[in-house]
Amino acid sequence: MAINVLGLAGSPEIGGNTELLLDKTLEGCKSKKDVIVEKIVVSKLNIKPCDSCRSCEKSGVCKKGDDMQVVYSKLASANRIVVASPVYFMGVTAQLKCLIDRCQVLWARKFLIKEKQSNNDQNKSKKGILISTCGNKNPDIFEGVS
């Protein structure tokens, strides 16, 4: 069975240090047998911010028509998720934070609507990696990201 790895490039700086580290990680994944790798550059997507309308809590569907609809399906099919973001203002980038906030719909489906997961074995085996970079020397700089 193939392992699907999804990389999320959270930096608005295309080709910067954070994306370079993500690319190297994904290259290592590609070198393994039966691994399918895909990368999403978050800053190239049209993702509207969550406005806390709570429609997802009732229907399990976000009412915003944007690129998150594609991201939801890719997140669902991924066995491994690699998230890469520099630290901006003690947290992940605004672009990545917007994507994370919009994942509230996935939480609502599972815990409020109690939607049956399509493949429980796959969901149990999901794992993630966080790659985070920063040019600041403050030893506590990564606390807001972790």
N, C-alpha and C. Protein backbone atom coordinates (compact mmCIF):
# COMPACT_ATOMS: atom_id res chain seq x y z
N MET A 1 0.84 -1.18 0.00
CA MET A 1 0.00 0.00 0.00
C MET A 1 0.89 1.25 0.00
N ALA A 2 0.59 2.17 -0.89
CA ALA A 2 1.39 3.39 -1.00
C ALA A 2 1.12 4.33 0.18
N ILE A 3 2.15 5.07 0.54
CA ILE A 3 2.03 6.09 1.56
C ILE A 3 1.97 7.43 0.85
N ASN A 4 0.94 8.22 1.17
CA ASN A 4 0.78 9.55 0.57
C ASN A 4 1.34 10.59 1.53
N VAL A 5 2.30 11.35 1.05
CA VAL A 5 2.93 12.41 1.83
C VAL A 5 2.52 13.75 1.24
N LEU A 6 1.97 14.61 2.08
CA LEU A 6 1.56 15.94 1.64
C LEU A 6 2.44 16.97 2.34
N GLY A 7 3.12 17.80 1.56
CA GLY A 7 3.93 18.88 2.10
C GLY A 7 3.20 20.19 1.97
N LEU A 8 3.16 20.95 3.05
CA LEU A 8 2.53 22.27 3.05
C LEU A 8 3.61 23.32 3.25
N ALA A 9 3.91 24.07 2.20
CA ALA A 9 4.89 25.14 2.25
C ALA A 9 4.18 26.40 2.73
N GLY A 10 4.42 26.78 3.97
CA GLY A 10 3.69 27.88 4.59
C GLY A 10 4.31 29.25 4.44
N SER A 11 5.51 29.33 3.88
CA SER A 11 6.17 30.62 3.77
C SER A 11 5.67 31.41 2.56
N PRO A 12 5.47 32.71 2.72
CA PRO A 12 5.13 33.53 1.55
C PRO A 12 6.34 33.78 0.65
N GLU A 13 7.53 33.46 1.14
CA GLU A 13 8.74 33.64 0.35
C GLU A 13 8.99 32.37 -0.46
N ILE A 14 8.61 32.40 -1.72
CA ILE A 14 8.75 31.24 -2.60
C ILE A 14 10.24 30.94 -2.80
N GLY A 15 10.60 29.67 -2.58
CA GLY A 15 11.99 29.25 -2.77
C GLY A 15 12.92 29.66 -1.65
N GLY A 16 12.41 30.12 -0.54
CA GLY A 16 13.24 30.53 0.59
C GLY A 16 13.77 29.34 1.38
N ASN A 17 14.40 29.64 2.50
CA ASN A 17 15.03 28.60 3.31
C ASN A 17 14.05 27.55 3.81
N THR A 18 12.88 27.98 4.24
CA THR A 18 11.90 27.03 4.76
C THR A 18 11.42 26.09 3.67
N GLU A 19 11.15 26.62 2.50
CA GLU A 19 10.70 25.77 1.39
C GLU A 19 11.83 24.85 0.94
N LEU A 20 13.07 25.31 0.99
CA LEU A 20 14.21 24.48 0.65
C LEU A 20 14.28 23.27 1.59
N LEU A 21 14.11 23.49 2.88
CA LEU A 21 14.12 22.38 3.84
C LEU A 21 12.96 21.42 3.58
N LEU A 22 11.80 21.97 3.26
CA LEU A 22 10.66 21.12 2.93
C LEU A 22 10.95 20.29 1.69
N ASP A 23 11.50 20.92 0.66
CA ASP A 23 11.80 20.20 -0.58
C ASP A 23 12.79 19.06 -0.34
N LYS A 24 13.79 19.29 0.48
CA LYS A 24 14.77 18.24 0.79
C LYS A 24 14.10 17.10 1.54
N THR A 25 13.21 17.42 2.45
CA THR A 25 12.47 16.39 3.18
C THR A 25 11.61 15.58 2.23
N LEU A 26 10.91 16.26 1.34
CA LEU A 26 10.06 15.56 0.38
C LEU A 26 10.87 14.73 -0.61
N GLU A 27 12.07 15.21 -0.98
CA GLU A 27 12.96 14.41 -1.84
C GLU A 27 13.32 13.10 -1.16
N GLY A 28 13.61 13.18 0.14
CA GLY A 28 13.92 11.97 0.89
C GLY A 28 12.74 11.02 0.92
N CYS A 29 11.55 11.55 1.03
CA CYS A 29 10.34 10.72 1.01
C CYS A 29 10.17 10.06 -0.35
N LYS A 30 10.42 10.82 -1.42
CA LYS A 30 10.27 10.29 -2.79
C LYS A 30 11.23 9.15 -3.06
N SER A 31 12.35 9.13 -2.38
CA SER A 31 13.35 8.09 -2.63
C SER A 31 12.93 6.73 -2.07
N LYS A 32 11.90 6.71 -1.28
CA LYS A 32 11.40 5.46 -0.69
C LYS A 32 10.41 4.80 -1.63
N LYS A 33 10.36 3.49 -1.55
CA LYS A 33 9.45 2.71 -2.38
C LYS A 33 8.01 2.92 -1.92
N ASP A 34 7.09 2.98 -2.87
CA ASP A 34 5.65 3.11 -2.60
C ASP A 34 5.28 4.38 -1.83
N VAL A 35 5.96 5.47 -2.12
CA VAL A 35 5.63 6.76 -1.50
C VAL A 35 5.24 7.74 -2.60
N ILE A 36 4.08 8.35 -2.42
CA ILE A 36 3.60 9.38 -3.35
C ILE A 36 3.69 10.71 -2.62
N VAL A 37 4.32 11.67 -3.25
CA VAL A 37 4.58 12.97 -2.61
C VAL A 37 3.90 14.08 -3.40
N GLU A 38 3.30 14.99 -2.66
CA GLU A 38 2.71 16.19 -3.28
C GLU A 38 3.02 17.38 -2.37
N LYS A 39 3.27 18.52 -3.00
CA LYS A 39 3.55 19.74 -2.23
C LYS A 39 2.52 20.80 -2.60
N ILE A 40 2.04 21.49 -1.60
CA ILE A 40 1.14 22.63 -1.78
C ILE A 40 1.86 23.87 -1.28
N VAL A 41 1.95 24.88 -2.12
CA VAL A 41 2.50 26.17 -1.70
C VAL A 41 1.31 27.03 -1.28
N VAL A 42 1.15 27.17 0.01
CA VAL A 42 -0.05 27.79 0.58
C VAL A 42 -0.26 29.21 0.07
N SER A 43 0.82 29.98 -0.08
CA SER A 43 0.67 31.38 -0.50
C SER A 43 0.17 31.52 -1.93
N LYS A 44 0.19 30.45 -2.71
CA LYS A 44 -0.33 30.50 -4.08
C LYS A 44 -1.83 30.17 -4.14
N LEU A 45 -2.39 29.78 -3.01
CA LEU A 45 -3.80 29.40 -2.98
C LEU A 45 -4.69 30.59 -2.63
N ASN A 46 -5.93 30.52 -3.05
CA ASN A 46 -6.94 31.49 -2.65
C ASN A 46 -7.69 30.89 -1.47
N ILE A 47 -7.29 31.27 -0.25
CA ILE A 47 -7.94 30.77 0.95
C ILE A 47 -8.47 31.96 1.73
N LYS A 48 -9.77 31.99 1.88
CA LYS A 48 -10.40 33.06 2.64
C LYS A 48 -10.32 32.73 4.13
N PRO A 49 -10.20 33.74 4.98
CA PRO A 49 -10.12 33.46 6.42
C PRO A 49 -11.46 32.98 6.99
N CYS A 50 -11.37 32.20 8.05
CA CYS A 50 -12.56 31.76 8.77
C CYS A 50 -13.20 32.99 9.42
N ASP A 51 -14.52 33.10 9.30
CA ASP A 51 -15.21 34.22 9.95
C ASP A 51 -16.11 33.74 11.09
N SER A 52 -15.88 32.52 11.54
CA SER A 52 -16.60 31.94 12.67
C SER A 52 -18.11 31.94 12.48
N CYS A 53 -18.54 31.63 11.27
CA CYS A 53 -19.98 31.59 10.99
C CYS A 53 -20.62 30.32 11.56
N ARG A 54 -19.81 29.33 11.82
CA ARG A 54 -20.23 28.05 12.42
C ARG A 54 -21.09 27.19 11.51
N SER A 55 -21.12 27.50 10.23
CA SER A 55 -21.91 26.65 9.33
C SER A 55 -21.32 25.24 9.27
N CYS A 56 -20.00 25.12 9.43
CA CYS A 56 -19.37 23.80 9.40
C CYS A 56 -19.80 22.94 10.58
N GLU A 57 -20.15 23.58 11.69
CA GLU A 57 -20.57 22.83 12.88
C GLU A 57 -21.93 22.17 12.68
N LYS A 58 -22.71 22.72 11.77
CA LYS A 58 -24.04 22.16 11.50
C LYS A 58 -24.02 21.18 10.33
N SER A 59 -23.25 21.53 9.28
CA SER A 59 -23.31 20.74 8.05
C SER A 59 -22.05 19.92 7.77
N GLY A 60 -20.94 20.27 8.41
CA GLY A 60 -19.67 19.61 8.09
C GLY A 60 -19.05 20.14 6.82
N VAL A 61 -19.60 21.23 6.31
CA VAL A 61 -19.12 21.84 5.07
C VAL A 61 -18.88 23.32 5.31
N CYS A 62 -17.74 23.80 4.82
CA CYS A 62 -17.46 25.23 4.91
C CYS A 62 -18.17 25.92 3.75
N LYS A 63 -18.84 27.01 4.05
CA LYS A 63 -19.62 27.70 3.01
C LYS A 63 -18.77 28.54 2.06
N LYS A 64 -17.50 28.71 2.39
CA LYS A 64 -16.64 29.52 1.53
C LYS A 64 -16.20 28.71 0.31
N GLY A 65 -16.36 29.27 -0.84
CA GLY A 65 -15.95 28.60 -2.08
C GLY A 65 -14.57 29.06 -2.48
N ASP A 66 -13.56 28.33 -2.04
CA ASP A 66 -12.19 28.70 -2.38
C ASP A 66 -11.34 27.45 -2.50
N ASP A 67 -10.03 27.62 -2.50
CA ASP A 67 -9.11 26.50 -2.70
C ASP A 67 -9.05 25.51 -1.54
N MET A 68 -9.64 25.84 -0.41
CA MET A 68 -9.62 24.90 0.72
C MET A 68 -10.37 23.61 0.40
N GLN A 69 -11.31 23.68 -0.52
CA GLN A 69 -12.06 22.46 -0.87
C GLN A 69 -11.10 21.39 -1.40
N VAL A 70 -10.10 21.80 -2.17
CA VAL A 70 -9.09 20.88 -2.69
C VAL A 70 -8.16 20.43 -1.55
N VAL A 71 -7.80 21.37 -0.69
CA VAL A 71 -6.90 21.05 0.43
C VAL A 71 -7.54 20.02 1.35
N TYR A 72 -8.83 20.14 1.63
CA TYR A 72 -9.52 19.17 2.50
C TYR A 72 -9.36 17.75 1.97
N SER A 73 -9.55 17.56 0.68
CA SER A 73 -9.45 16.21 0.12
C SER A 73 -8.00 15.71 0.16
N LYS A 74 -7.05 16.59 -0.06
CA LYS A 74 -5.64 16.18 -0.01
C LYS A 74 -5.22 15.83 1.42
N LEU A 75 -5.70 16.59 2.39
CA LEU A 75 -5.42 16.27 3.79
C LEU A 75 -6.03 14.92 4.17
N ALA A 76 -7.23 14.67 3.67
CA ALA A 76 -7.91 13.42 4.00
C ALA A 76 -7.18 12.22 3.43
N SER A 77 -6.60 12.35 2.25
CA SER A 77 -5.94 11.21 1.62
C SER A 77 -4.48 11.05 2.03
N ALA A 78 -3.92 12.01 2.74
CA ALA A 78 -2.52 11.93 3.16
C ALA A 78 -2.34 11.04 4.38
N ASN A 79 -1.29 10.22 4.33
CA ASN A 79 -0.90 9.43 5.50
C ASN A 79 0.10 10.20 6.35
N ARG A 80 0.88 11.04 5.68
CA ARG A 80 1.90 11.84 6.36
C ARG A 80 1.74 13.28 5.88
N ILE A 81 1.84 14.21 6.82
CA ILE A 81 1.73 15.63 6.48
C ILE A 81 2.98 16.33 7.01
N VAL A 82 3.67 17.03 6.13
CA VAL A 82 4.86 17.78 6.50
C VAL A 82 4.51 19.26 6.36
N VAL A 83 4.51 19.96 7.47
CA VAL A 83 4.17 21.39 7.49
C VAL A 83 5.46 22.18 7.68
N ALA A 84 5.68 23.15 6.83
CA ALA A 84 6.89 23.98 6.92
C ALA A 84 6.49 25.46 6.99
N SER A 85 7.04 26.14 7.99
CA SER A 85 6.73 27.56 8.15
C SER A 85 7.86 28.26 8.89
N PRO A 86 8.22 29.45 8.43
CA PRO A 86 9.09 30.27 9.27
C PRO A 86 8.27 30.82 10.43
N VAL A 87 8.95 31.31 11.43
CA VAL A 87 8.27 31.94 12.57
C VAL A 87 8.13 33.42 12.27
N TYR A 88 6.90 33.89 12.26
CA TYR A 88 6.60 35.31 12.11
C TYR A 88 5.80 35.72 13.34
N PHE A 89 6.29 36.68 14.08
CA PHE A 89 5.58 37.20 15.24
C PHE A 89 5.17 36.08 16.20
N MET A 90 6.12 35.19 16.49
CA MET A 90 5.96 34.10 17.46
C MET A 90 4.99 33.01 17.01
N GLY A 91 4.68 32.92 15.73
CA GLY A 91 3.77 31.88 15.25
C GLY A 91 4.05 31.54 13.80
N VAL A 92 3.22 30.67 13.25
CA VAL A 92 3.34 30.34 11.83
C VAL A 92 2.91 31.55 11.01
N THR A 93 3.17 31.52 9.73
CA THR A 93 2.82 32.63 8.86
C THR A 93 1.30 32.81 8.78
N ALA A 94 0.88 33.99 8.40
CA ALA A 94 -0.56 34.27 8.28
C ALA A 94 -1.22 33.35 7.26
N GLN A 95 -0.51 33.06 6.17
CA GLN A 95 -1.07 32.20 5.13
C GLN A 95 -1.35 30.80 5.69
N LEU A 96 -0.39 30.25 6.41
CA LEU A 96 -0.57 28.91 6.98
C LEU A 96 -1.60 28.93 8.10
N LYS A 97 -1.60 29.97 8.90
CA LYS A 97 -2.58 30.07 10.00
C LYS A 97 -4.00 30.10 9.44
N CYS A 98 -4.19 30.77 8.33
CA CYS A 98 -5.50 30.82 7.68
C CYS A 98 -5.93 29.40 7.28
N LEU A 99 -5.02 28.63 6.69
CA LEU A 99 -5.32 27.25 6.30
C LEU A 99 -5.65 26.42 7.55
N ILE A 100 -4.86 26.56 8.59
CA ILE A 100 -5.09 25.80 9.82
C ILE A 100 -6.46 26.15 10.41
N ASP A 101 -6.78 27.42 10.48
CA ASP A 101 -8.08 27.84 11.03
C ASP A 101 -9.23 27.24 10.24
N ARG A 102 -9.07 27.16 8.94
CA ARG A 102 -10.14 26.62 8.09
C ARG A 102 -10.29 25.10 8.24
N CYS A 103 -9.35 24.45 8.90
CA CYS A 103 -9.47 23.01 9.17
C CYS A 103 -10.45 22.73 10.30
N GLN A 104 -11.05 23.77 10.84
CA GLN A 104 -12.10 23.60 11.84
C GLN A 104 -13.22 22.70 11.30
N VAL A 105 -13.45 22.76 10.01
CA VAL A 105 -14.48 21.94 9.39
C VAL A 105 -14.18 20.45 9.58
N LEU A 106 -12.90 20.07 9.54
CA LEU A 106 -12.52 18.67 9.73
C LEU A 106 -12.80 18.23 11.17
N TRP A 107 -12.50 19.11 12.12
CA TRP A 107 -12.80 18.84 13.53
C TRP A 107 -14.30 18.71 13.73
N ALA A 108 -15.07 19.62 13.12
CA ALA A 108 -16.53 19.58 13.26
C ALA A 108 -17.10 18.28 12.71
N ARG A 109 -16.59 17.84 11.57
CA ARG A 109 -17.08 16.59 10.97
C ARG A 109 -16.86 15.41 11.91
N LYS A 110 -15.70 15.38 12.53
CA LYS A 110 -15.35 14.24 13.37
C LYS A 110 -16.02 14.29 14.74
N PHE A 111 -16.02 15.44 15.39
CA PHE A 111 -16.44 15.50 16.78
C PHE A 111 -17.86 16.02 17.01
N LEU A 112 -18.37 16.86 16.13
CA LEU A 112 -19.72 17.39 16.32
C LEU A 112 -20.75 16.61 15.50
N ILE A 113 -20.43 16.41 14.25
CA ILE A 113 -21.35 15.72 13.35
C ILE A 113 -21.18 14.20 13.48
N LYS A 114 -20.00 13.80 13.97
CA LYS A 114 -19.68 12.38 14.13
C LYS A 114 -19.74 11.64 12.80
N GLU A 115 -19.23 12.31 11.78
CA GLU A 115 -19.18 11.72 10.44
C GLU A 115 -18.25 10.51 10.47
N LYS A 116 -18.71 9.44 9.90
CA LYS A 116 -17.90 8.23 9.86
C LYS A 116 -16.69 8.48 8.97
N GLN A 117 -15.52 8.16 9.50
CA GLN A 117 -14.29 8.33 8.74
C GLN A 117 -14.23 7.26 7.66
N SER A 118 -13.77 7.63 6.48
CA SER A 118 -13.77 6.71 5.34
C SER A 118 -12.85 5.51 5.56
N ASN A 119 -11.75 5.70 6.25
CA ASN A 119 -10.82 4.60 6.48
C ASN A 119 -10.15 4.82 7.84
N ASN A 120 -10.71 4.25 8.88
CA ASN A 120 -10.19 4.47 10.22
C ASN A 120 -8.74 4.04 10.38
N ASP A 121 -8.33 2.95 9.69
CA ASP A 121 -6.94 2.52 9.79
C ASP A 121 -6.00 3.59 9.27
N GLN A 122 -6.39 4.24 8.16
CA GLN A 122 -5.54 5.30 7.61
C GLN A 122 -5.48 6.47 8.59
N ASN A 123 -6.60 6.84 9.19
CA ASN A 123 -6.62 7.96 10.10
C ASN A 123 -5.77 7.70 11.34
N LYS A 124 -5.74 6.45 11.81
CA LYS A 124 -4.93 6.11 12.97
C LYS A 124 -3.44 6.18 12.65
N SER A 125 -3.10 5.94 11.38
CA SER A 125 -1.68 5.92 11.02
C SER A 125 -1.18 7.27 10.51
N LYS A 126 -1.99 8.31 10.55
CA LYS A 126 -1.53 9.63 10.10
C LYS A 126 -0.45 10.13 11.05
N LYS A 127 0.59 10.67 10.46
CA LYS A 127 1.67 11.24 11.24
C LYS A 127 2.06 12.56 10.61
N GLY A 128 2.70 13.41 11.38
CA GLY A 128 3.08 14.71 10.87
C GLY A 128 4.47 15.12 11.30
N ILE A 129 5.03 16.03 10.53
CA ILE A 129 6.33 16.63 10.82
C ILE A 129 6.17 18.14 10.69
N LEU A 130 6.79 18.87 11.58
CA LEU A 130 6.82 20.33 11.49
C LEU A 130 8.25 20.77 11.24
N ILE A 131 8.43 21.55 10.19
CA ILE A 131 9.72 22.17 9.90
C ILE A 131 9.52 23.67 10.13
N SER A 132 10.29 24.23 11.03
CA SER A 132 10.13 25.64 11.34
C SER A 132 11.50 26.31 11.37
N THR A 133 11.56 27.51 10.82
CA THR A 133 12.82 28.25 10.75
C THR A 133 12.64 29.65 11.33
N CYS A 134 13.75 30.21 11.77
CA CYS A 134 13.69 31.57 12.32
C CYS A 134 15.08 32.18 12.34
N GLY A 135 15.15 33.47 12.12
CA GLY A 135 16.42 34.18 12.18
C GLY A 135 16.63 34.88 13.50
N ASN A 136 15.70 34.73 14.42
CA ASN A 136 15.76 35.38 15.73
C ASN A 136 16.53 34.51 16.71
N LYS A 137 17.29 35.10 17.59
CA LYS A 137 18.09 34.32 18.55
C LYS A 137 17.37 34.10 19.88
N ASN A 138 16.15 34.52 20.01
CA ASN A 138 15.38 34.32 21.23
C ASN A 138 15.13 32.82 21.41
N PRO A 139 15.56 32.23 22.53
CA PRO A 139 15.41 30.77 22.71
C PRO A 139 13.95 30.32 22.81
N ASP A 140 13.03 31.22 23.08
CA ASP A 140 11.62 30.86 23.21
C ASP A 140 10.81 31.12 21.95
N ILE A 141 11.47 31.47 20.87
CA ILE A 141 10.79 31.92 19.65
C ILE A 141 9.84 30.87 19.06
N PHE A 142 10.15 29.59 19.24
CA PHE A 142 9.35 28.53 18.61
C PHE A 142 8.15 28.10 19.47
N GLU A 143 8.01 28.63 20.67
CA GLU A 143 6.93 28.21 21.56
C GLU A 143 5.55 28.41 20.95
N GLY A 144 5.34 29.50 20.25
CA GLY A 144 4.04 29.77 19.66
C GLY A 144 3.72 28.87 18.45
N VAL A 145 4.73 28.22 17.91
CA VAL A 145 4.54 27.37 16.75
C VAL A 145 4.25 25.93 17.17
N SER A 146 4.86 25.50 18.24
CA SER A 146 4.76 24.09 18.63
C SER A 146 3.46 23.71 19.29
